[in-house]
Amino acid sequence: MSAREYQFALDCLSDDLIKFHDDWNWVATDIHCRACGGRQPLADAGVPFRHTVEDCPNQRDFVRYPWEELRRALDHLPALIRHTPRGGA
């Protein structure tokens, strides 16, 4: 991985984590909706998120799986760890 590819992957990871954090709060083994306070435990990761209010701004026109969103955000992390320049980024 070149230095340019490394920086691009790092930027993508940072952007994805910021987007995740805008909507969700990860607390121990639960993910909480920042808008309505609904929560989903890790054990329900494969179940669509259920918001606590019908008009929650984080409820979109599609079903959301916040644990999957977090997993996708972290997809580049293993490569970044393997290719982190010695002595830091």
C-alpha atoms as a PDB file:
ATOM      1  CA  MET A   1       0.000   0.000   0.000  1.00  0.00           C
ATOM      2  CA  SER A   2       1.500   3.288  -1.067  1.00  0.00           C
ATOM      3  CA  ALA A   3       1.522   6.335   1.198  1.00  0.00           C
ATOM      4  CA  ARG A   4      -1.187   7.873  -1.005  1.00  0.00           C
ATOM      5  CA  GLU A   5      -3.386   4.742  -0.795  1.00  0.00           C
ATOM      6  CA  TYR A   6      -2.812   4.619   2.953  1.00  0.00           C
ATOM      7  CA  GLN A   7      -3.928   8.230   3.384  1.00  0.00           C
ATOM      8  CA  PHE A   8      -6.984   7.665   1.182  1.00  0.00           C
ATOM      9  CA  ALA A   9      -8.021   4.598   3.225  1.00  0.00           C
ATOM     10  CA  LEU A  10      -7.437   6.522   6.453  1.00  0.00           C
ATOM     11  CA  ASP A  11      -9.548   9.442   5.188  1.00  0.00           C
ATOM     12  CA  CYS A  12     -12.356   7.073   4.121  1.00  0.00           C
ATOM     13  CA  LEU A  13     -12.328   5.360   7.511  1.00  0.00           C
ATOM     14  CA  SER A  14     -12.411   8.718   9.303  1.00  0.00           C
ATOM     15  CA  ASP A  15     -15.291   9.986   7.139  1.00  0.00           C
ATOM     16  CA  ASP A  16     -17.299   6.783   7.619  1.00  0.00           C
ATOM     17  CA  LEU A  17     -16.802   6.823  11.394  1.00  0.00           C
ATOM     18  CA  ILE A  18     -17.872  10.475  11.569  1.00  0.00           C
ATOM     19  CA  LYS A  19     -21.021   9.672   9.547  1.00  0.00           C
ATOM     20  CA  PHE A  20     -21.757   6.706  11.833  1.00  0.00           C
ATOM     21  CA  HIS A  21     -21.263   8.872  14.920  1.00  0.00           C
ATOM     22  CA  ASP A  22     -23.644  11.528  13.568  1.00  0.00           C
ATOM     23  CA  ASP A  23     -26.546   9.046  13.798  1.00  0.00           C
ATOM     24  CA  TRP A  24     -25.457   6.465  16.361  1.00  0.00           C
ATOM     25  CA  ASN A  25     -23.818   6.204  19.756  1.00  0.00           C
ATOM     26  CA  TRP A  26     -21.981   2.968  20.542  1.00  0.00           C
ATOM     27  CA  VAL A  27     -22.138   2.164  24.262  1.00  0.00           C
ATOM     28  CA  ALA A  28     -20.520  -1.107  25.362  1.00  0.00           C
ATOM     29  CA  THR A  29     -22.574  -3.774  23.551  1.00  0.00           C
ATOM     30  CA  ASP A  30     -25.451  -1.514  22.463  1.00  0.00           C
ATOM     31  CA  ILE A  31     -25.918   1.005  19.688  1.00  0.00           C
ATOM     32  CA  HIS A  32     -28.195   3.938  20.495  1.00  0.00           C
ATOM     33  CA  CYS A  33     -29.948   6.253  18.054  1.00  0.00           C
ATOM     34  CA  ARG A  34     -28.787   9.797  18.798  1.00  0.00           C
ATOM     35  CA  ALA A  35     -32.140  11.254  17.717  1.00  0.00           C
ATOM     36  CA  CYS A  36     -34.726   9.081  19.493  1.00  0.00           C
ATOM     37  CA  GLY A  37     -32.690   7.171  22.085  1.00  0.00           C
ATOM     38  CA  GLY A  38     -33.715   3.767  20.747  1.00  0.00           C
ATOM     39  CA  ARG A  39     -31.132   1.067  21.338  1.00  0.00           C
ATOM     40  CA  GLN A  40     -30.103  -2.218  19.816  1.00  0.00           C
ATOM     41  CA  PRO A  41     -27.950  -4.788  21.607  1.00  0.00           C
ATOM     42  CA  LEU A  42     -25.222  -6.654  19.761  1.00  0.00           C
ATOM     43  CA  ALA A  43     -27.298  -9.833  20.030  1.00  0.00           C
ATOM     44  CA  ASP A  44     -29.850  -8.205  17.669  1.00  0.00           C
ATOM     45  CA  ALA A  45     -27.274  -7.037  15.099  1.00  0.00           C
ATOM     46  CA  GLY A  46     -29.020  -8.891  12.265  1.00  0.00           C
ATOM     47  CA  VAL A  47     -32.415  -7.356  13.039  1.00  0.00           C
ATOM     48  CA  PRO A  48     -33.511  -4.013  11.557  1.00  0.00           C
ATOM     49  CA  PHE A  49     -33.169  -1.149  14.040  1.00  0.00           C
ATOM     50  CA  ARG A  50     -36.429  -0.116  15.708  1.00  0.00           C
ATOM     51  CA  HIS A  51     -36.646   3.570  16.525  1.00  0.00           C
ATOM     52  CA  THR A  52     -38.628   4.620  19.587  1.00  0.00           C
ATOM     53  CA  VAL A  53     -40.563   7.362  17.772  1.00  0.00           C
ATOM     54  CA  GLU A  54     -42.270   7.057  14.417  1.00  0.00           C
ATOM     55  CA  ASP A  55     -40.923  10.314  13.004  1.00  0.00           C
ATOM     56  CA  CYS A  56     -37.314   9.878  14.140  1.00  0.00           C
ATOM     57  CA  PRO A  57     -35.002  11.839  11.797  1.00  0.00           C
ATOM     58  CA  ASN A  58     -32.645   8.838  11.619  1.00  0.00           C
ATOM     59  CA  GLN A  59     -35.437   6.662  10.279  1.00  0.00           C
ATOM     60  CA  ARG A  60     -35.006   6.706   6.538  1.00  0.00           C
ATOM     61  CA  ASP A  61     -36.908   5.302   3.571  1.00  0.00           C
ATOM     62  CA  PHE A  62     -34.939   2.100   4.021  1.00  0.00           C
ATOM     63  CA  VAL A  63     -34.302  -0.317   6.858  1.00  0.00           C
ATOM     64  CA  ARG A  64     -31.156   0.429   8.857  1.00  0.00           C
ATOM     65  CA  TYR A  65     -28.752  -2.022  10.424  1.00  0.00           C
ATOM     66  CA  PRO A  66     -26.384   0.095  12.550  1.00  0.00           C
ATOM     67  CA  TRP A  67     -24.082  -2.805  13.440  1.00  0.00           C
ATOM     68  CA  GLU A  68     -23.608  -3.481   9.721  1.00  0.00           C
ATOM     69  CA  GLU A  69     -22.987   0.242   9.134  1.00  0.00           C
ATOM     70  CA  LEU A  70     -20.267   0.123  11.807  1.00  0.00           C
ATOM     71  CA  ARG A  71     -18.743  -3.027  10.288  1.00  0.00           C
ATOM     72  CA  ARG A  72     -18.620  -1.405   6.847  1.00  0.00           C
ATOM     73  CA  ALA A  73     -17.042   1.722   8.343  1.00  0.00           C
ATOM     74  CA  LEU A  74     -14.278  -0.417   9.838  1.00  0.00           C
ATOM     75  CA  ASP A  75     -13.626  -2.495   6.692  1.00  0.00           C
ATOM     76  CA  HIS A  76     -10.356  -0.683   5.919  1.00  0.00           C
ATOM     77  CA  LEU A  77      -8.992  -0.984   9.439  1.00  0.00           C
ATOM     78  CA  PRO A  78      -7.126  -4.327   9.045  1.00  0.00           C
ATOM     79  CA  ALA A  79      -5.210  -3.061   5.991  1.00  0.00           C
ATOM     80  CA  LEU A  80      -4.429   0.211   7.751  1.00  0.00           C
ATOM     81  CA  ILE A  81      -3.065  -1.653  10.763  1.00  0.00           C
ATOM     82  CA  ARG A  82      -0.879  -3.868   8.556  1.00  0.00           C
ATOM     83  CA  HIS A  83       0.436  -0.882   6.618  1.00  0.00           C
ATOM     84  CA  THR A  84       0.786   1.742   9.349  1.00  0.00           C
ATOM     85  CA  PRO A  85       4.184   3.334   8.871  1.00  0.00           C
ATOM     86  CA  ARG A  86       6.559   2.478  11.688  1.00  0.00           C
ATOM     87  CA  GLY A  87       6.694   5.307  14.156  1.00  0.00           C
ATOM     88  CA  GLY A  88       3.080   6.397  13.501  1.00  0.00           C
ATOM     89  CA  ALA A  89       1.146   7.779  10.558  1.00  0.00           C
END
